[in-house]
Amino acid sequence: MNSNELHPYQHVVHRDLRSSLKNHLPLVIWLTGYPGSGKSTIANALEARLVHEYKAHTYILDGDNIRCGLNADLGFSEADRNENIRRVGELAKLMYDAGLIVITAFISPFQAERNKIRNLFEPDAFWEVFVSCPLEICMKRDPKGLYSKAVNENLQEFTGVSSPYEIPLMPELILNSNEFGIEECVSQIINLIIDKEILIPTSKKV
């Protein structure tokens, strides 16, 4: 059997119906940036506020967590990294179809791969959020000690050292994580969510 013989089944319960049961529209928030820029920390804080303050239905897809399970078979070559992002994009699409606000935290260094993910979604359903932080600051933070290993040539194809990071061309939002604290970065995302009428505050407005 080839792909031409596959015919996706049209289910009775669809995304709009699922969304009508929630207090918000579905959305994918794609956090991208250098290792150590603060993506995972911001993702966790964002989800906590969306759940506790706005009763939103959310899920985080995080790089290390995904590689410990779904993508445990992949390495870190450029081809494997692209496949890692492709799978995450398809998973995010399923969660989006379920009506969730999906928050991802992936380096996702290549613009072409991020564009492929964007093209899976309707306009305004995918937000590319660039967590901007100078490389030298990320290297000083080095929370996992990976930059040190990469500099010492123990890690090959490591973003920022032996592999490039392509800065987003037209992100929906830029978070300067070296200038603002975690809560301020989260507030910037939530303010945009409210401005775009993705959700309606159930407590105080940000």
N, C-alpha and C. Protein backbone atom coordinates (compact mmCIF):
# COMPACT_ATOMS: atom_id res chain seq x y z
N MET A 1 0.84 -1.19 0.00
CA MET A 1 0.00 0.00 0.00
C MET A 1 0.88 1.24 0.00
N ASN A 2 0.53 2.23 -0.84
CA ASN A 2 1.27 3.48 -0.85
C ASN A 2 0.38 4.62 -0.37
N SER A 3 0.95 5.81 -0.27
CA SER A 3 0.22 6.95 0.29
C SER A 3 -1.01 7.33 -0.54
N ASN A 4 -1.00 7.00 -1.83
CA ASN A 4 -2.15 7.32 -2.67
C ASN A 4 -3.38 6.48 -2.33
N GLU A 5 -3.16 5.38 -1.60
CA GLU A 5 -4.26 4.49 -1.25
C GLU A 5 -4.80 4.75 0.16
N LEU A 6 -4.26 5.79 0.82
CA LEU A 6 -4.72 6.14 2.16
C LEU A 6 -5.80 7.21 2.08
N HIS A 7 -6.84 7.05 2.85
CA HIS A 7 -7.95 7.99 2.84
C HIS A 7 -8.35 8.31 4.29
N PRO A 8 -7.87 9.45 4.82
CA PRO A 8 -8.19 9.82 6.20
C PRO A 8 -9.69 9.83 6.45
N TYR A 9 -10.08 9.25 7.58
CA TYR A 9 -11.50 9.16 7.93
C TYR A 9 -11.97 10.48 8.52
N GLN A 10 -13.12 10.93 8.09
CA GLN A 10 -13.69 12.18 8.60
C GLN A 10 -14.56 11.87 9.81
N HIS A 11 -14.07 12.23 10.99
CA HIS A 11 -14.79 11.92 12.22
C HIS A 11 -15.94 12.89 12.46
N VAL A 12 -16.94 12.41 13.16
CA VAL A 12 -18.12 13.22 13.47
C VAL A 12 -17.75 14.34 14.43
N VAL A 13 -16.95 14.02 15.45
CA VAL A 13 -16.50 15.04 16.41
C VAL A 13 -15.26 15.72 15.83
N HIS A 14 -15.37 17.02 15.56
CA HIS A 14 -14.29 17.74 14.90
C HIS A 14 -13.73 18.82 15.82
N ARG A 15 -12.68 19.50 15.33
CA ARG A 15 -11.97 20.48 16.16
C ARG A 15 -12.87 21.59 16.69
N ASP A 16 -13.74 22.12 15.84
CA ASP A 16 -14.59 23.22 16.29
C ASP A 16 -15.51 22.78 17.42
N LEU A 17 -16.00 21.56 17.34
CA LEU A 17 -16.87 21.05 18.40
C LEU A 17 -16.06 20.87 19.69
N ARG A 18 -14.87 20.34 19.57
CA ARG A 18 -14.02 20.17 20.76
C ARG A 18 -13.71 21.53 21.38
N SER A 19 -13.39 22.52 20.54
CA SER A 19 -13.05 23.85 21.05
C SER A 19 -14.23 24.50 21.76
N SER A 20 -15.44 24.22 21.29
CA SER A 20 -16.63 24.82 21.91
C SER A 20 -16.82 24.37 23.34
N LEU A 21 -16.18 23.27 23.73
CA LEU A 21 -16.29 22.77 25.10
C LEU A 21 -15.27 23.42 26.02
N LYS A 22 -14.39 24.25 25.46
CA LYS A 22 -13.33 24.87 26.25
C LYS A 22 -13.53 26.39 26.31
N ASN A 23 -12.66 27.06 27.05
CA ASN A 23 -12.75 28.52 27.18
C ASN A 23 -11.79 29.24 26.24
N HIS A 24 -11.32 28.53 25.22
CA HIS A 24 -10.32 29.13 24.34
C HIS A 24 -10.30 28.41 23.00
N LEU A 25 -9.64 29.06 22.04
CA LEU A 25 -9.38 28.45 20.74
C LEU A 25 -8.10 27.63 20.82
N PRO A 26 -7.94 26.65 19.94
CA PRO A 26 -6.68 25.90 19.93
C PRO A 26 -5.56 26.77 19.35
N LEU A 27 -4.35 26.48 19.76
CA LEU A 27 -3.21 27.29 19.34
C LEU A 27 -1.92 26.49 19.56
N VAL A 28 -0.93 26.72 18.70
CA VAL A 28 0.40 26.16 18.90
C VAL A 28 1.38 27.31 19.12
N ILE A 29 2.04 27.31 20.27
CA ILE A 29 3.04 28.32 20.61
C ILE A 29 4.40 27.64 20.53
N TRP A 30 5.17 27.98 19.51
CA TRP A 30 6.43 27.28 19.23
C TRP A 30 7.60 28.14 19.72
N LEU A 31 8.15 27.78 20.89
CA LEU A 31 9.29 28.50 21.44
C LEU A 31 10.57 27.96 20.82
N THR A 32 11.36 28.84 20.23
CA THR A 32 12.60 28.46 19.58
C THR A 32 13.72 29.38 20.04
N GLY A 33 14.94 28.87 20.09
CA GLY A 33 16.08 29.69 20.51
C GLY A 33 17.27 28.82 20.86
N TYR A 34 18.38 29.47 21.14
CA TYR A 34 19.60 28.76 21.51
C TYR A 34 19.39 27.88 22.75
N PRO A 35 20.18 26.82 22.91
CA PRO A 35 20.18 26.09 24.18
C PRO A 35 20.54 27.04 25.32
N GLY A 36 19.79 26.99 26.40
CA GLY A 36 20.07 27.86 27.53
C GLY A 36 19.40 29.21 27.46
N SER A 37 18.58 29.45 26.43
CA SER A 37 17.91 30.75 26.29
C SER A 37 16.72 30.90 27.23
N GLY A 38 16.21 29.77 27.74
CA GLY A 38 15.10 29.84 28.68
C GLY A 38 13.79 29.28 28.17
N LYS A 39 13.83 28.56 27.06
CA LYS A 39 12.61 28.05 26.43
C LYS A 39 11.78 27.18 27.37
N SER A 40 12.39 26.16 27.96
CA SER A 40 11.66 25.22 28.81
C SER A 40 11.12 25.90 30.07
N THR A 41 11.91 26.80 30.64
CA THR A 41 11.48 27.51 31.84
C THR A 41 10.28 28.39 31.54
N ILE A 42 10.34 29.09 30.43
CA ILE A 42 9.21 29.94 30.02
C ILE A 42 7.99 29.09 29.71
N ALA A 43 8.18 27.97 29.02
CA ALA A 43 7.07 27.08 28.68
C ALA A 43 6.36 26.59 29.93
N ASN A 44 7.11 26.18 30.93
CA ASN A 44 6.52 25.69 32.17
C ASN A 44 5.75 26.78 32.90
N ALA A 45 6.33 27.96 32.98
CA ALA A 45 5.67 29.07 33.67
C ALA A 45 4.42 29.52 32.91
N LEU A 46 4.50 29.50 31.58
CA LEU A 46 3.35 29.87 30.76
C LEU A 46 2.21 28.89 30.96
N GLU A 47 2.50 27.60 30.92
CA GLU A 47 1.44 26.62 31.10
C GLU A 47 0.80 26.76 32.48
N ALA A 48 1.60 26.98 33.51
CA ALA A 48 1.07 27.11 34.86
C ALA A 48 0.08 28.26 34.94
N ARG A 49 0.42 29.40 34.35
CA ARG A 49 -0.49 30.55 34.41
C ARG A 49 -1.74 30.32 33.57
N LEU A 50 -1.59 29.71 32.40
CA LEU A 50 -2.76 29.45 31.57
C LEU A 50 -3.73 28.50 32.26
N VAL A 51 -3.20 27.50 32.93
CA VAL A 51 -4.06 26.53 33.62
C VAL A 51 -4.69 27.12 34.87
N HIS A 52 -3.88 27.74 35.71
CA HIS A 52 -4.38 28.20 37.01
C HIS A 52 -5.22 29.47 36.92
N GLU A 53 -4.82 30.40 36.05
CA GLU A 53 -5.53 31.68 35.97
C GLU A 53 -6.65 31.68 34.94
N TYR A 54 -6.50 30.88 33.89
CA TYR A 54 -7.46 30.96 32.79
C TYR A 54 -8.16 29.63 32.51
N LYS A 55 -7.87 28.62 33.31
CA LYS A 55 -8.53 27.31 33.17
C LYS A 55 -8.40 26.77 31.75
N ALA A 56 -7.26 27.02 31.13
CA ALA A 56 -7.02 26.57 29.76
C ALA A 56 -6.61 25.10 29.73
N HIS A 57 -6.91 24.46 28.63
CA HIS A 57 -6.50 23.07 28.40
C HIS A 57 -5.20 23.12 27.59
N THR A 58 -4.11 22.70 28.19
CA THR A 58 -2.79 22.88 27.59
C THR A 58 -1.99 21.59 27.58
N TYR A 59 -0.88 21.62 26.84
CA TYR A 59 0.11 20.55 26.93
C TYR A 59 1.44 21.07 26.43
N ILE A 60 2.53 20.69 27.15
CA ILE A 60 3.87 21.07 26.75
C ILE A 60 4.56 19.91 26.03
N LEU A 61 5.16 20.21 24.91
CA LEU A 61 6.06 19.28 24.23
C LEU A 61 7.46 19.85 24.37
N ASP A 62 8.31 19.16 25.11
CA ASP A 62 9.65 19.66 25.43
C ASP A 62 10.71 18.76 24.80
N GLY A 63 11.79 19.36 24.35
CA GLY A 63 12.81 18.64 23.60
C GLY A 63 13.33 17.38 24.27
N ASP A 64 13.85 17.51 25.49
CA ASP A 64 14.44 16.35 26.16
C ASP A 64 13.40 15.29 26.47
N ASN A 65 12.20 15.72 26.86
CA ASN A 65 11.14 14.75 27.19
C ASN A 65 10.75 13.93 25.97
N ILE A 66 10.61 14.59 24.84
CA ILE A 66 10.23 13.89 23.60
C ILE A 66 11.32 12.91 23.19
N ARG A 67 12.58 13.30 23.35
CA ARG A 67 13.69 12.42 22.95
C ARG A 67 13.85 11.23 23.91
N CYS A 68 13.25 11.31 25.08
CA CYS A 68 13.31 10.17 26.01
C CYS A 68 12.22 9.14 25.71
N GLY A 69 11.29 9.48 24.82
CA GLY A 69 10.18 8.58 24.52
C GLY A 69 9.93 8.45 23.04
N LEU A 70 9.04 9.27 22.52
CA LEU A 70 8.62 9.19 21.12
C LEU A 70 9.80 9.17 20.15
N ASN A 71 10.79 10.02 20.39
CA ASN A 71 11.90 10.15 19.46
C ASN A 71 13.20 9.59 20.01
N ALA A 72 13.09 8.58 20.86
CA ALA A 72 14.29 7.98 21.46
C ALA A 72 15.18 7.30 20.43
N ASP A 73 14.63 7.01 19.25
CA ASP A 73 15.41 6.32 18.21
C ASP A 73 16.24 7.27 17.36
N LEU A 74 16.12 8.58 17.60
CA LEU A 74 16.81 9.55 16.76
C LEU A 74 18.10 10.05 17.41
N GLY A 75 19.09 10.32 16.55
CA GLY A 75 20.34 10.90 17.02
C GLY A 75 20.32 12.41 16.84
N PHE A 76 21.51 12.99 16.62
CA PHE A 76 21.61 14.44 16.53
C PHE A 76 22.26 14.91 15.23
N SER A 77 22.24 14.06 14.22
CA SER A 77 22.66 14.51 12.90
C SER A 77 21.61 15.49 12.38
N GLU A 78 21.96 16.24 11.36
CA GLU A 78 20.99 17.21 10.82
C GLU A 78 19.73 16.50 10.35
N ALA A 79 19.88 15.33 9.73
CA ALA A 79 18.72 14.59 9.25
C ALA A 79 17.84 14.14 10.41
N ASP A 80 18.46 13.64 11.47
CA ASP A 80 17.69 13.18 12.63
C ASP A 80 17.04 14.35 13.36
N ARG A 81 17.73 15.47 13.42
CA ARG A 81 17.14 16.65 14.08
C ARG A 81 15.94 17.15 13.29
N ASN A 82 16.04 17.13 11.97
CA ASN A 82 14.90 17.53 11.14
C ASN A 82 13.72 16.57 11.33
N GLU A 83 14.02 15.28 11.41
CA GLU A 83 12.96 14.29 11.64
C GLU A 83 12.34 14.47 13.02
N ASN A 84 13.16 14.81 14.00
CA ASN A 84 12.66 15.09 15.35
C ASN A 84 11.62 16.21 15.31
N ILE A 85 11.94 17.28 14.61
CA ILE A 85 11.03 18.42 14.52
C ILE A 85 9.80 18.06 13.70
N ARG A 86 9.98 17.29 12.64
CA ARG A 86 8.82 16.88 11.83
C ARG A 86 7.81 16.11 12.66
N ARG A 87 8.30 15.14 13.44
CA ARG A 87 7.40 14.35 14.29
C ARG A 87 6.70 15.21 15.32
N VAL A 88 7.44 16.12 15.92
CA VAL A 88 6.84 17.01 16.92
C VAL A 88 5.76 17.86 16.29
N GLY A 89 6.01 18.33 15.07
CA GLY A 89 5.00 19.13 14.38
C GLY A 89 3.72 18.34 14.15
N GLU A 90 3.85 17.07 13.74
CA GLU A 90 2.67 16.24 13.51
C GLU A 90 1.94 15.95 14.82
N LEU A 91 2.71 15.76 15.90
CA LEU A 91 2.09 15.54 17.20
C LEU A 91 1.37 16.80 17.68
N ALA A 92 1.99 17.95 17.47
CA ALA A 92 1.35 19.21 17.84
C ALA A 92 0.06 19.42 17.05
N LYS A 93 0.07 18.98 15.80
CA LYS A 93 -1.13 19.11 14.97
C LYS A 93 -2.28 18.28 15.53
N LEU A 94 -1.98 17.06 15.99
CA LEU A 94 -3.01 16.22 16.59
C LEU A 94 -3.57 16.87 17.86
N MET A 95 -2.68 17.43 18.67
CA MET A 95 -3.12 18.08 19.91
C MET A 95 -3.90 19.35 19.61
N TYR A 96 -3.50 20.06 18.57
CA TYR A 96 -4.25 21.23 18.13
C TYR A 96 -5.65 20.82 17.69
N ASP A 97 -5.74 19.71 16.97
CA ASP A 97 -7.03 19.20 16.53
C ASP A 97 -7.91 18.80 17.71
N ALA A 98 -7.26 18.43 18.82
CA ALA A 98 -8.00 18.07 20.03
C ALA A 98 -8.50 19.31 20.78
N GLY A 99 -8.08 20.50 20.31
CA GLY A 99 -8.57 21.74 20.91
C GLY A 99 -7.67 22.33 21.97
N LEU A 100 -6.43 21.85 22.07
CA LEU A 100 -5.53 22.30 23.14
C LEU A 100 -4.72 23.53 22.74
N ILE A 101 -4.21 24.23 23.74
CA ILE A 101 -3.14 25.20 23.53
C ILE A 101 -1.85 24.42 23.74
N VAL A 102 -1.11 24.22 22.67
CA VAL A 102 0.10 23.41 22.69
C VAL A 102 1.31 24.34 22.78
N ILE A 103 2.16 24.08 23.76
CA ILE A 103 3.37 24.87 23.96
C ILE A 103 4.57 23.97 23.70
N THR A 104 5.41 24.35 22.76
CA THR A 104 6.59 23.54 22.48
C THR A 104 7.85 24.30 22.85
N ALA A 105 8.87 23.56 23.27
CA ALA A 105 10.17 24.16 23.62
C ALA A 105 11.25 23.35 22.92
N PHE A 106 11.65 23.80 21.73
CA PHE A 106 12.65 23.11 20.92
C PHE A 106 13.61 24.12 20.33
N ILE A 107 14.88 23.75 20.28
CA ILE A 107 15.85 24.63 19.63
C ILE A 107 15.40 24.90 18.20
N SER A 108 15.00 23.85 17.50
CA SER A 108 14.53 23.93 16.11
C SER A 108 15.29 25.01 15.34
N PRO A 109 16.58 24.76 15.07
CA PRO A 109 17.47 25.82 14.59
C PRO A 109 17.29 26.27 13.15
N PHE A 110 16.59 25.49 12.34
CA PHE A 110 16.54 25.80 10.91
C PHE A 110 15.20 26.39 10.50
N GLN A 111 15.25 27.54 9.82
CA GLN A 111 14.03 28.23 9.41
C GLN A 111 13.16 27.37 8.50
N ALA A 112 13.78 26.62 7.60
CA ALA A 112 13.01 25.80 6.66
C ALA A 112 12.17 24.77 7.39
N GLU A 113 12.72 24.18 8.45
CA GLU A 113 11.97 23.18 9.21
C GLU A 113 10.84 23.83 9.99
N ARG A 114 11.10 25.01 10.55
CA ARG A 114 10.03 25.71 11.27
C ARG A 114 8.92 26.12 10.31
N ASN A 115 9.28 26.50 9.10
CA ASN A 115 8.27 26.87 8.11
C ASN A 115 7.41 25.67 7.73
N LYS A 116 8.02 24.49 7.64
CA LYS A 116 7.25 23.29 7.33
C LYS A 116 6.19 23.04 8.41
N ILE A 117 6.56 23.25 9.65
CA ILE A 117 5.61 23.07 10.74
C ILE A 117 4.50 24.11 10.64
N ARG A 118 4.87 25.35 10.40
CA ARG A 118 3.87 26.41 10.26
C ARG A 118 2.84 26.05 9.19
N ASN A 119 3.31 25.47 8.11
CA ASN A 119 2.42 25.15 6.98
C ASN A 119 1.43 24.03 7.29
N LEU A 120 1.61 23.36 8.42
CA LEU A 120 0.65 22.33 8.83
C LEU A 120 -0.64 22.94 9.39
N PHE A 121 -0.57 24.23 9.72
CA PHE A 121 -1.67 24.86 10.44
C PHE A 121 -2.32 25.98 9.64
N GLU A 122 -3.51 26.32 10.07
CA GLU A 122 -4.21 27.45 9.47
C GLU A 122 -3.51 28.75 9.88
N PRO A 123 -3.71 29.83 9.12
CA PRO A 123 -3.12 31.11 9.51
C PRO A 123 -3.55 31.51 10.92
N ASP A 124 -2.62 32.04 11.68
CA ASP A 124 -2.84 32.51 13.06
C ASP A 124 -2.96 31.39 14.08
N ALA A 125 -2.87 30.13 13.65
CA ALA A 125 -2.97 29.01 14.60
C ALA A 125 -1.60 28.60 15.12
N PHE A 126 -0.54 29.04 14.44
CA PHE A 126 0.84 28.69 14.81
C PHE A 126 1.61 29.97 15.08
N TRP A 127 2.14 30.09 16.31
CA TRP A 127 2.94 31.26 16.67
C TRP A 127 4.38 30.85 16.88
N GLU A 128 5.26 31.42 16.09
CA GLU A 128 6.69 31.23 16.28
C GLU A 128 7.18 32.29 17.26
N VAL A 129 7.64 31.85 18.41
CA VAL A 129 8.08 32.77 19.46
C VAL A 129 9.58 32.58 19.65
N PHE A 130 10.33 33.60 19.30
CA PHE A 130 11.79 33.55 19.38
C PHE A 130 12.24 33.98 20.78
N VAL A 131 12.81 33.04 21.53
CA VAL A 131 13.37 33.36 22.84
C VAL A 131 14.80 33.84 22.59
N SER A 132 14.95 35.15 22.52
CA SER A 132 16.21 35.76 22.12
C SER A 132 17.12 35.97 23.33
N CYS A 133 18.33 35.46 23.20
CA CYS A 133 19.34 35.64 24.24
C CYS A 133 20.70 35.52 23.58
N PRO A 134 21.61 36.47 23.80
CA PRO A 134 22.93 36.39 23.17
C PRO A 134 23.61 35.06 23.47
N LEU A 135 24.29 34.53 22.46
CA LEU A 135 24.93 33.23 22.61
C LEU A 135 25.89 33.20 23.79
N GLU A 136 26.64 34.30 24.00
CA GLU A 136 27.62 34.30 25.08
C GLU A 136 26.95 34.17 26.45
N ILE A 137 25.75 34.71 26.59
CA ILE A 137 25.01 34.58 27.87
C ILE A 137 24.51 33.15 28.02
N CYS A 138 23.99 32.58 26.94
CA CYS A 138 23.54 31.18 26.99
C CYS A 138 24.69 30.26 27.38
N MET A 139 25.86 30.55 26.84
CA MET A 139 27.02 29.71 27.13
C MET A 139 27.47 29.87 28.59
N LYS A 140 27.29 31.06 29.15
CA LYS A 140 27.62 31.26 30.56
C LYS A 140 26.63 30.53 31.47
N ARG A 141 25.37 30.55 31.06
CA ARG A 141 24.36 29.85 31.85
C ARG A 141 24.64 28.34 31.83
N ASP A 142 24.72 27.80 30.61
CA ASP A 142 25.08 26.39 30.38
C ASP A 142 24.51 25.45 31.46
N PRO A 143 23.18 25.43 31.67
CA PRO A 143 22.59 24.67 32.78
C PRO A 143 22.86 23.17 32.74
N LYS A 144 23.07 22.62 31.56
CA LYS A 144 23.31 21.18 31.45
C LYS A 144 24.78 20.84 31.16
N GLY A 145 25.61 21.87 31.08
CA GLY A 145 27.02 21.64 30.80
C GLY A 145 27.29 21.22 29.37
N LEU A 146 26.32 21.45 28.47
CA LEU A 146 26.47 20.97 27.10
C LEU A 146 27.39 21.85 26.26
N TYR A 147 27.36 23.15 26.51
CA TYR A 147 28.26 24.03 25.76
C TYR A 147 29.72 23.67 26.05
N SER A 148 30.01 23.40 27.31
CA SER A 148 31.38 23.02 27.69
C SER A 148 31.82 21.76 26.95
N LYS A 149 30.92 20.79 26.88
CA LYS A 149 31.24 19.55 26.17
C LYS A 149 31.43 19.81 24.68
N ALA A 150 30.57 20.67 24.13
CA ALA A 150 30.65 20.95 22.70
C ALA A 150 31.95 21.67 22.36
N VAL A 151 32.32 22.65 23.18
CA VAL A 151 33.56 23.39 22.95
C VAL A 151 34.77 22.46 23.01
N ASN A 152 34.71 21.48 23.89
CA ASN A 152 35.80 20.52 24.03
C ASN A 152 35.72 19.39 23.00
N GLU A 153 34.79 19.56 22.01
CA GLU A 153 34.63 18.64 20.89
C GLU A 153 34.12 17.26 21.31
N ASN A 154 33.45 17.23 22.45
CA ASN A 154 32.83 15.98 22.88
C ASN A 154 31.40 15.85 22.34
N LEU A 155 30.84 16.96 21.89
CA LEU A 155 29.51 16.94 21.29
C LEU A 155 29.59 17.53 19.89
N GLN A 156 29.20 16.73 18.91
CA GLN A 156 29.22 17.18 17.54
C GLN A 156 27.87 17.75 17.14
N GLU A 157 27.89 18.67 16.15
CA GLU A 157 26.68 19.28 15.61
C GLU A 157 25.82 19.88 16.72
N PHE A 158 26.46 20.65 17.60
CA PHE A 158 25.75 21.30 18.70
C PHE A 158 25.45 22.74 18.32
N THR A 159 24.19 23.13 18.43
CA THR A 159 23.76 24.46 18.00
C THR A 159 24.51 25.56 18.74
N GLY A 160 25.03 26.50 17.99
CA GLY A 160 25.76 27.63 18.56
C GLY A 160 27.25 27.41 18.63
N VAL A 161 27.69 26.16 18.49
CA VAL A 161 29.12 25.85 18.55
C VAL A 161 29.58 25.23 17.24
N SER A 162 29.05 24.06 16.92
CA SER A 162 29.46 23.36 15.70
C SER A 162 28.32 23.25 14.68
N SER A 163 27.19 23.86 14.98
CA SER A 163 26.05 23.85 14.08
C SER A 163 25.33 25.20 14.22
N PRO A 164 24.83 25.76 13.12
CA PRO A 164 24.26 27.12 13.18
C PRO A 164 22.84 27.15 13.75
N TYR A 165 22.46 28.35 14.20
CA TYR A 165 21.07 28.62 14.55
C TYR A 165 20.59 29.75 13.65
N GLU A 166 19.49 29.53 12.94
CA GLU A 166 18.95 30.53 12.04
C GLU A 166 17.87 31.33 12.76
N ILE A 167 18.14 32.60 12.99
CA ILE A 167 17.20 33.46 13.72
C ILE A 167 15.89 33.59 12.93
N PRO A 168 14.74 33.44 13.60
CA PRO A 168 13.45 33.55 12.90
C PRO A 168 13.32 34.85 12.12
N LEU A 169 12.78 34.75 10.92
CA LEU A 169 12.66 35.89 10.03
C LEU A 169 11.47 36.78 10.39
N MET A 170 10.34 36.15 10.68
CA MET A 170 9.12 36.92 11.00
C MET A 170 8.34 36.24 12.13
N PRO A 171 8.92 36.19 13.32
CA PRO A 171 8.21 35.54 14.44
C PRO A 171 7.02 36.38 14.89
N GLU A 172 6.04 35.70 15.46
CA GLU A 172 4.89 36.43 16.02
C GLU A 172 5.28 37.24 17.25
N LEU A 173 6.35 36.78 17.93
CA LEU A 173 6.77 37.46 19.15
C LEU A 173 8.25 37.19 19.40
N ILE A 174 8.96 38.20 19.90
CA ILE A 174 10.35 38.04 20.32
C ILE A 174 10.41 38.30 21.82
N LEU A 175 10.94 37.34 22.56
CA LEU A 175 11.11 37.48 24.01
C LEU A 175 12.60 37.65 24.30
N ASN A 176 12.98 38.80 24.81
CA ASN A 176 14.38 39.04 25.16
C ASN A 176 14.62 38.53 26.57
N SER A 177 14.95 37.24 26.66
CA SER A 177 15.04 36.60 27.97
C SER A 177 16.25 37.05 28.78
N ASN A 178 17.19 37.74 28.14
CA ASN A 178 18.32 38.28 28.89
C ASN A 178 17.99 39.64 29.50
N GLU A 179 16.89 40.25 29.06
CA GLU A 179 16.49 41.56 29.57
C GLU A 179 15.30 41.48 30.52
N PHE A 180 14.42 40.50 30.30
CA PHE A 180 13.21 40.37 31.11
C PHE A 180 13.21 39.06 31.88
N GLY A 181 12.60 39.08 33.07
CA GLY A 181 12.46 37.88 33.86
C GLY A 181 11.43 36.94 33.27
N ILE A 182 11.34 35.75 33.83
CA ILE A 182 10.44 34.71 33.32
C ILE A 182 9.00 35.19 33.32
N GLU A 183 8.54 35.77 34.42
CA GLU A 183 7.13 36.18 34.51
C GLU A 183 6.80 37.28 33.51
N GLU A 184 7.74 38.19 33.25
CA GLU A 184 7.50 39.23 32.26
C GLU A 184 7.41 38.63 30.87
N CYS A 185 8.26 37.66 30.57
CA CYS A 185 8.19 36.99 29.26
C CYS A 185 6.84 36.28 29.11
N VAL A 186 6.41 35.61 30.17
CA VAL A 186 5.12 34.91 30.13
C VAL A 186 3.99 35.91 29.93
N SER A 187 4.05 37.04 30.62
CA SER A 187 3.01 38.06 30.48
C SER A 187 2.92 38.58 29.06
N GLN A 188 4.06 38.70 28.39
CA GLN A 188 4.05 39.16 26.99
C GLN A 188 3.29 38.18 26.11
N ILE A 189 3.47 36.88 26.34
CA ILE A 189 2.75 35.88 25.56
C ILE A 189 1.26 35.93 25.88
N ILE A 190 0.93 35.97 27.16
CA ILE A 190 -0.48 35.96 27.56
C ILE A 190 -1.19 37.21 27.07
N ASN A 191 -0.53 38.35 27.13
CA ASN A 191 -1.14 39.58 26.62
C ASN A 191 -1.47 39.45 25.14
N LEU A 192 -0.58 38.80 24.37
CA LEU A 192 -0.84 38.60 22.95
C LEU A 192 -2.00 37.63 22.76
N ILE A 193 -2.05 36.59 23.58
CA ILE A 193 -3.15 35.62 23.51
C ILE A 193 -4.49 36.32 23.74
N ILE A 194 -4.52 37.21 24.72
CA ILE A 194 -5.75 37.94 25.03
C ILE A 194 -6.08 38.93 23.91
N ASP A 195 -5.06 39.64 23.41
CA ASP A 195 -5.29 40.59 22.33
C ASP A 195 -5.86 39.91 21.09
N LYS A 196 -5.41 38.68 20.84
CA LYS A 196 -5.87 37.94 19.66
C LYS A 196 -7.17 37.18 19.94
N GLU A 197 -7.70 37.36 21.15
CA GLU A 197 -8.98 36.74 21.55
C GLU A 197 -8.95 35.23 21.47
N ILE A 198 -7.79 34.65 21.83
CA ILE A 198 -7.68 33.20 21.93
C ILE A 198 -8.42 32.71 23.17
N LEU A 199 -8.33 33.50 24.25
CA LEU A 199 -9.03 33.14 25.47
C LEU A 199 -9.56 34.40 26.13
N ILE A 200 -10.50 34.19 27.04
CA ILE A 200 -11.06 35.30 27.81
C ILE A 200 -10.66 35.10 29.26
N PRO A 201 -10.04 36.10 29.91
CA PRO A 201 -9.61 35.92 31.29
C PRO A 201 -10.77 35.54 32.21
N THR A 202 -10.50 34.61 33.12
CA THR A 202 -11.51 34.21 34.08
C THR A 202 -11.23 34.81 35.46
N SER A 203 -10.08 35.45 35.61
CA SER A 203 -9.78 36.12 36.87
C SER A 203 -9.37 37.55 36.53
N LYS A 204 -8.24 37.98 36.96
CA LYS A 204 -7.79 39.33 36.64
C LYS A 204 -7.07 39.34 35.30
N LYS A 205 -7.16 40.47 34.62
CA LYS A 205 -6.48 40.63 33.33
C LYS A 205 -5.01 40.93 33.58
N VAL A 206 -4.16 40.40 32.70
CA VAL A 206 -2.71 40.60 32.87
C VAL A 206 -2.38 42.07 32.71
